[in-house]
Amino acid sequence: MRRAYHPLLLPLSFLLAGAGAGASAAPVGAAIASVHRASGMSASLQLAGIPFSYPRLNAAAWLLLGLALIGAYAIAVALRAVLHQRSAYRRWLARLEIVGRLRDHPSVQVIADPRPQAFCAGYLRPRVYVSQAALDLLSDAQLDAVLAHEHHHRRVRDPLSLACGRVFSQALFFLPALRALFGRYADLAELNADHAAVRARAGGRAALASALLAFDAMGAGISPERVDSLLGQAAGWRRPWWLLSASFASLAGLTVVTWGASRAASARATFNFPFVSTRPCLAMVLLPLLGGATLLARRAAAWRGAAAG
């Protein structure tokens, strides 16, 4: 069985994600830095005899404000995804009915589930779980192979990497290669865990293959690529060069435009409250960012819900 791991895949994914996170945060910081305190030179208007004032922005500042809105939206989506995954994991963990530990593997939790399954879950301290149905179904050699597979996931903290991949793929929507890269890593994580199980001589390739077939017969679902890999066929993957090119071009364009706009941007405001005043307030610059990011996040959530329905 050939090792399927591409050593540069995960570093490239996180490098691209880190660059995208920096590109999202940069216009937000630049927009705030472009605000200059000034008691005069502000724009104002009167409604019903009440004077309103707001910061005066030049064209570069308006462009920077738009980029900052995109960056604030990406940050808001990332925070929302992190909170959603954390709460979903806690709810899932609370629903698990743990009936004990495996006798020969005390670190493995046994759950009361009529479906045969084994999995690794947890972020900083992942654990291996196996259902009672799987214990009843598998032979000792098959069980050892399955547990070796899951212990590999635990050692390399695959659940944490995959969770980070989901967050980055959702938040950094302007980097289309991220979803393809992290999606491929999810596939290779299973192939590499299979390789680790075979290499550990936990029953050998035959034990792992028969365990996968037993799971598949019970409706668990096994990818054909894993079967091919166990048969000795190398895992192929056509790298998404055009997606990578589009992502790096997007990063370069966003960085250049942010840098150019930040050099020429100027927003005149004071730090005085209240909002209704003859003098502008710095918060008036931030309110469109927060309001627009919240609106976009809600609309995106509604669109995803409609698509899922």
Protein backbone atom coordinates (compact mmCIF):
# COMPACT_ATOMS: atom_id res chain seq x y z
CA MET A 1 0.00 0.00 0.00
CA ARG A 2 1.52 3.31 -1.08
CA ARG A 3 1.51 6.31 1.17
CA ALA A 4 -0.99 8.88 -0.10
CA TYR A 5 0.20 11.88 1.84
CA HIS A 6 1.27 14.97 -0.08
CA PRO A 7 3.64 16.69 2.37
CA LEU A 8 3.05 20.20 1.02
CA LEU A 9 -0.75 20.02 0.90
CA LEU A 10 -1.55 21.00 4.48
CA PRO A 11 1.23 23.64 4.80
CA LEU A 12 0.12 25.19 1.50
CA SER A 13 -3.50 25.23 2.67
CA PHE A 14 -2.65 26.96 5.94
CA LEU A 15 -0.21 29.34 4.23
CA LEU A 16 -2.92 30.42 1.82
CA ALA A 17 -5.46 30.67 4.65
CA GLY A 18 -3.08 32.74 6.79
CA ALA A 19 -2.39 35.11 3.89
CA GLY A 20 -6.14 35.43 3.32
CA ALA A 21 -6.75 36.19 6.99
CA GLY A 22 -4.08 38.89 6.90
CA ALA A 23 -5.54 40.33 3.70
CA SER A 24 -8.96 40.46 5.39
CA ALA A 25 -7.71 42.22 8.51
CA ALA A 26 -5.39 44.68 6.74
CA PRO A 27 -8.08 46.96 5.21
CA VAL A 28 -9.96 47.07 8.53
CA GLY A 29 -6.83 48.31 10.31
CA ALA A 30 -5.95 50.65 7.46
CA ALA A 31 -9.45 52.14 7.47
CA ILE A 32 -9.21 52.88 11.18
CA ALA A 33 -5.68 54.28 10.79
CA SER A 34 -6.82 56.60 8.00
CA VAL A 35 -9.19 58.48 10.34
CA HIS A 36 -7.66 61.77 11.47
CA ARG A 37 -8.96 63.73 14.40
CA ALA A 38 -10.08 67.19 13.30
CA SER A 39 -12.57 69.61 14.77
CA GLY A 40 -13.30 71.15 11.41
CA MET A 41 -13.45 70.22 7.76
CA SER A 42 -16.42 67.92 8.39
CA ALA A 43 -19.55 67.37 6.38
CA SER A 44 -22.90 68.11 7.95
CA LEU A 45 -26.58 68.31 7.15
CA GLN A 46 -29.79 69.26 8.93
CA LEU A 47 -32.93 67.17 9.19
CA ALA A 48 -36.00 68.66 10.87
CA GLY A 49 -33.79 71.38 12.26
CA ILE A 50 -31.44 68.87 13.94
CA PRO A 51 -27.80 69.10 12.85
CA PHE A 52 -26.16 65.82 11.84
CA SER A 53 -22.49 65.46 11.07
CA TYR A 54 -20.42 62.69 9.60
CA PRO A 55 -16.80 62.14 8.64
CA ARG A 56 -15.54 63.56 5.39
CA LEU A 57 -13.93 60.86 3.23
CA ASN A 58 -12.05 61.19 -0.03
CA ALA A 59 -12.40 58.68 -2.90
CA ALA A 60 -9.54 56.48 -1.64
CA ALA A 61 -11.12 56.36 1.80
CA TRP A 62 -14.44 55.22 0.32
CA LEU A 63 -12.61 52.45 -1.55
CA LEU A 64 -10.78 51.47 1.62
CA LEU A 65 -14.08 51.47 3.48
CA GLY A 66 -15.50 49.00 0.95
CA LEU A 67 -12.48 46.72 1.33
CA ALA A 68 -12.75 47.00 5.09
CA LEU A 69 -16.39 45.96 4.85
CA ILE A 70 -15.35 42.80 3.00
CA GLY A 71 -12.66 42.11 5.59
CA ALA A 72 -15.07 42.68 8.47
CA TYR A 73 -17.54 40.30 6.84
CA ALA A 74 -14.86 37.59 6.52
CA ILE A 75 -13.89 38.05 10.18
CA ALA A 76 -17.53 37.90 11.26
CA VAL A 77 -18.12 34.71 9.26
CA ALA A 78 -15.00 33.12 10.79
CA LEU A 79 -16.10 33.96 14.34
CA ARG A 80 -19.59 32.69 13.64
CA ALA A 81 -18.22 29.44 12.17
CA VAL A 82 -15.95 28.89 15.19
CA LEU A 83 -18.81 29.43 17.64
CA HIS A 84 -21.12 27.22 15.58
CA GLN A 85 -18.62 24.36 15.44
CA ARG A 86 -17.89 24.64 19.13
CA SER A 87 -21.54 24.58 20.14
CA ALA A 88 -22.35 21.79 17.67
CA TYR A 89 -19.49 19.67 19.02
CA ARG A 90 -20.64 20.18 22.60
CA ARG A 91 -24.21 19.22 21.73
CA TRP A 92 -22.98 16.15 19.87
CA LEU A 93 -20.74 15.15 22.79
CA ALA A 94 -23.61 15.54 25.24
CA ARG A 95 -25.75 13.16 23.17
CA LEU A 96 -23.13 10.40 23.23
CA GLU A 97 -23.99 7.57 25.62
CA ILE A 98 -20.62 6.36 26.87
CA VAL A 99 -20.91 2.93 28.47
CA GLY A 100 -17.27 2.40 29.41
CA ARG A 101 -13.76 1.92 28.12
CA LEU A 102 -12.35 -0.80 25.95
CA ARG A 103 -10.67 -3.42 28.10
CA ASP A 104 -7.46 -3.82 26.08
CA HIS A 105 -7.43 -0.17 25.01
CA PRO A 106 -8.32 1.95 28.06
CA SER A 107 -8.02 5.21 26.12
CA VAL A 108 -10.85 4.17 23.78
CA GLN A 109 -14.39 5.14 24.78
CA VAL A 110 -17.21 2.67 24.07
CA ILE A 111 -20.57 4.19 23.12
CA ALA A 112 -24.01 2.61 23.04
CA ASP A 113 -24.96 2.89 19.39
CA PRO A 114 -26.76 0.30 17.26
CA ARG A 115 -24.68 1.33 14.24
CA PRO A 116 -21.16 -0.06 13.76
CA GLN A 117 -18.82 2.91 13.81
CA ALA A 118 -15.43 4.06 15.06
CA PHE A 119 -14.19 7.61 14.94
CA CYS A 120 -11.82 10.16 16.41
CA ALA A 121 -13.24 13.41 17.79
CA GLY A 122 -11.89 16.36 19.73
CA TYR A 123 -9.66 19.29 18.92
CA LEU A 124 -6.84 19.83 21.40
CA ARG A 125 -7.14 16.43 23.08
CA PRO A 126 -8.87 14.15 20.58
CA ARG A 127 -10.23 10.78 21.68
CA VAL A 128 -11.14 7.56 19.92
CA TYR A 129 -14.70 6.22 20.16
CA VAL A 130 -16.07 2.87 19.08
CA SER A 131 -19.66 1.68 19.20
CA GLN A 132 -20.83 -1.48 20.90
CA ALA A 133 -22.23 -2.64 17.56
CA ALA A 134 -18.75 -2.42 16.04
CA LEU A 135 -17.33 -4.54 18.87
CA ASP A 136 -19.97 -7.17 18.21
CA LEU A 137 -19.35 -7.12 14.46
CA LEU A 138 -15.56 -7.08 14.17
CA SER A 139 -13.03 -9.78 14.94
CA ASP A 140 -10.05 -9.00 17.16
CA ALA A 141 -7.75 -8.48 14.17
CA GLN A 142 -10.28 -6.24 12.42
CA LEU A 143 -10.83 -4.21 15.57
CA ASP A 144 -7.07 -3.71 16.06
CA ALA A 145 -6.76 -2.44 12.49
CA VAL A 146 -9.68 -0.03 12.90
CA LEU A 147 -8.32 1.30 16.19
CA ALA A 148 -4.85 1.78 14.67
CA HIS A 149 -6.53 3.83 11.94
CA GLU A 150 -8.34 6.04 14.47
CA HIS A 151 -5.27 6.42 16.71
CA HIS A 152 -3.40 7.85 13.72
CA HIS A 153 -6.12 10.51 13.39
CA ARG A 154 -5.66 11.26 17.09
CA ARG A 155 -1.86 11.54 16.93
CA VAL A 156 -1.81 13.99 14.02
CA ARG A 157 -4.91 15.87 15.30
CA ASP A 158 -6.84 15.49 12.08
CA PRO A 159 -10.12 16.71 13.67
CA LEU A 160 -8.50 20.06 14.50
CA SER A 161 -7.01 20.48 11.02
CA LEU A 162 -10.32 19.62 9.36
CA ALA A 163 -12.23 22.01 11.64
CA CYS A 164 -9.82 24.84 10.80
CA GLY A 165 -10.25 23.99 7.13
CA ARG A 166 -14.03 24.32 7.37
CA VAL A 167 -13.74 27.71 9.10
CA PHE A 168 -11.23 29.11 6.61
CA SER A 169 -13.17 27.77 3.61
CA GLN A 170 -16.34 29.52 4.79
CA ALA A 171 -14.75 32.81 5.83
CA LEU A 172 -12.23 33.37 3.04
CA PHE A 173 -14.73 33.07 0.22
CA PHE A 174 -12.48 35.08 -2.12
CA LEU A 175 -9.90 32.24 -2.10
CA PRO A 176 -11.63 29.45 -4.08
CA ALA A 177 -8.67 27.08 -3.80
CA LEU A 178 -9.08 26.66 -0.05
CA ARG A 179 -12.19 24.50 -0.29
CA ALA A 180 -10.49 22.21 -2.83
CA LEU A 181 -7.27 21.95 -0.81
CA PHE A 182 -8.89 21.20 2.52
CA GLY A 183 -11.39 18.87 0.85
CA ARG A 184 -8.53 16.88 -0.63
CA TYR A 185 -6.78 16.82 2.74
CA ALA A 186 -9.91 15.28 4.27
CA ASP A 187 -9.73 12.47 1.71
CA LEU A 188 -6.01 11.93 2.18
CA ALA A 189 -6.39 11.90 5.97
CA GLU A 190 -8.39 8.68 5.64
CA LEU A 191 -5.91 7.13 3.20
CA ASN A 192 -2.96 8.02 5.43
CA ALA A 193 -4.68 6.59 8.49
CA ASP A 194 -5.26 3.37 6.52
CA HIS A 195 -1.56 3.35 5.62
CA ALA A 196 -0.61 3.83 9.29
CA ALA A 197 -2.86 0.95 10.33
CA VAL A 198 -1.29 -1.39 7.76
CA ARG A 199 2.23 -0.26 8.66
CA ALA A 200 1.52 -0.90 12.36
CA ARG A 201 0.85 -4.55 11.43
CA ALA A 202 -2.49 -4.34 13.26
CA GLY A 203 -3.82 -7.41 11.52
CA GLY A 204 -2.33 -6.34 8.21
CA ARG A 205 -4.00 -5.11 5.07
CA ALA A 206 -6.46 -7.99 4.97
CA ALA A 207 -7.84 -7.21 8.43
CA LEU A 208 -8.38 -3.56 7.63
CA ALA A 209 -9.95 -4.32 4.25
CA SER A 210 -12.34 -6.86 5.74
CA ALA A 211 -13.29 -4.39 8.48
CA LEU A 212 -14.06 -1.74 5.88
CA LEU A 213 -16.17 -4.22 3.94
CA ALA A 214 -18.05 -5.14 7.11
CA PHE A 215 -18.76 -1.46 7.83
CA ASP A 216 -19.81 -0.91 4.22
CA ALA A 217 -22.18 -3.88 4.32
CA MET A 218 -23.88 -2.33 7.36
CA GLY A 219 -24.44 0.97 5.52
CA ALA A 220 -21.47 2.93 6.89
CA GLY A 221 -20.24 3.80 3.39
CA ILE A 222 -16.61 3.45 2.31
CA SER A 223 -15.09 5.53 -0.49
CA PRO A 224 -13.88 3.58 -3.54
CA GLU A 225 -10.57 5.44 -3.30
CA ARG A 226 -9.84 3.78 0.05
CA VAL A 227 -10.53 0.37 -1.45
CA ASP A 228 -8.26 1.12 -4.41
CA SER A 229 -5.54 2.32 -2.06
CA LEU A 230 -5.71 -0.89 -0.04
CA LEU A 231 -5.34 -2.81 -3.30
CA GLY A 232 -2.07 -0.98 -3.95
CA GLN A 233 -3.26 1.67 -6.40
CA ALA A 234 -1.74 5.09 -5.80
CA ALA A 235 -4.18 7.86 -5.01
CA GLY A 236 -4.31 10.33 -7.86
CA TRP A 237 -5.24 13.97 -7.64
CA ARG A 238 -5.30 16.67 -10.24
CA ARG A 239 -4.07 19.79 -8.53
CA PRO A 240 -6.42 22.78 -8.92
CA TRP A 241 -3.90 25.02 -10.64
CA TRP A 242 -6.47 27.46 -11.99
CA LEU A 243 -8.09 27.78 -8.55
CA LEU A 244 -4.68 28.36 -6.98
CA SER A 245 -3.85 30.94 -9.64
CA ALA A 246 -7.16 32.72 -9.08
CA SER A 247 -6.64 32.68 -5.30
CA PHE A 248 -3.12 34.09 -5.42
CA ALA A 249 -4.23 36.68 -7.97
CA SER A 250 -7.06 37.67 -5.67
CA LEU A 251 -4.64 37.98 -2.76
CA ALA A 252 -2.19 40.06 -4.79
CA GLY A 253 -4.92 42.35 -6.11
CA LEU A 254 -6.44 42.86 -2.66
CA THR A 255 -3.03 43.60 -1.15
CA VAL A 256 -2.05 46.11 -3.85
CA VAL A 257 -5.40 47.93 -3.79
CA THR A 258 -5.40 48.07 0.03
CA TRP A 259 -1.86 49.42 0.08
CA GLY A 260 -2.57 52.04 -2.56
CA ALA A 261 -5.86 53.14 -1.02
CA SER A 262 -4.40 53.33 2.48
CA ARG A 263 -1.66 55.69 1.28
CA ALA A 264 -4.15 58.14 -0.22
CA ALA A 265 -7.14 57.65 2.09
CA SER A 266 -8.14 60.41 4.45
CA ALA A 267 -11.17 60.61 6.74
CA ARG A 268 -11.72 63.64 8.95
CA ALA A 269 -13.49 62.90 12.24
CA THR A 270 -13.36 63.65 15.95
CA PHE A 271 -13.77 61.32 18.88
CA ASN A 272 -16.71 63.22 20.31
CA PHE A 273 -20.15 61.92 21.17
CA PRO A 274 -23.10 62.06 20.64
CA PHE A 275 -23.70 61.07 17.03
CA VAL A 276 -26.10 64.00 16.59
CA SER A 277 -23.63 66.82 16.87
CA THR A 278 -22.04 69.66 15.00
CA ARG A 279 -18.84 67.62 15.03
CA PRO A 280 -18.27 64.19 13.52
CA CYS A 281 -17.50 61.09 15.53
CA LEU A 282 -15.08 58.25 14.87
CA ALA A 283 -17.82 55.73 15.52
CA MET A 284 -19.57 56.97 12.39
CA VAL A 285 -16.75 55.36 10.41
CA LEU A 286 -17.09 52.04 12.18
CA LEU A 287 -20.88 51.81 12.14
CA PRO A 288 -21.14 51.10 8.39
CA LEU A 289 -18.54 48.36 8.77
CA LEU A 290 -20.33 46.62 11.62
CA GLY A 291 -23.80 47.09 10.19
CA GLY A 292 -22.85 46.01 6.71
CA ALA A 293 -20.93 42.95 7.93
CA THR A 294 -23.88 41.89 10.09
CA LEU A 295 -26.33 42.32 7.20
CA LEU A 296 -24.15 40.37 4.79
CA ALA A 297 -23.62 37.58 7.33
CA ARG A 298 -27.37 37.25 7.86
CA ARG A 299 -28.09 37.20 4.15
CA ALA A 300 -25.37 34.61 3.55
CA ALA A 301 -26.81 32.42 6.33
CA ALA A 302 -30.29 32.75 4.79
CA TRP A 303 -28.95 31.83 1.33
CA ARG A 304 -27.14 28.76 2.71
CA GLY A 305 -30.30 27.72 4.57
CA ALA A 306 -32.40 28.09 1.42
CA ALA A 307 -29.85 26.11 -0.62
CA ALA A 308 -29.76 23.33 2.00
CA GLY A 309 -33.57 23.18 2.00
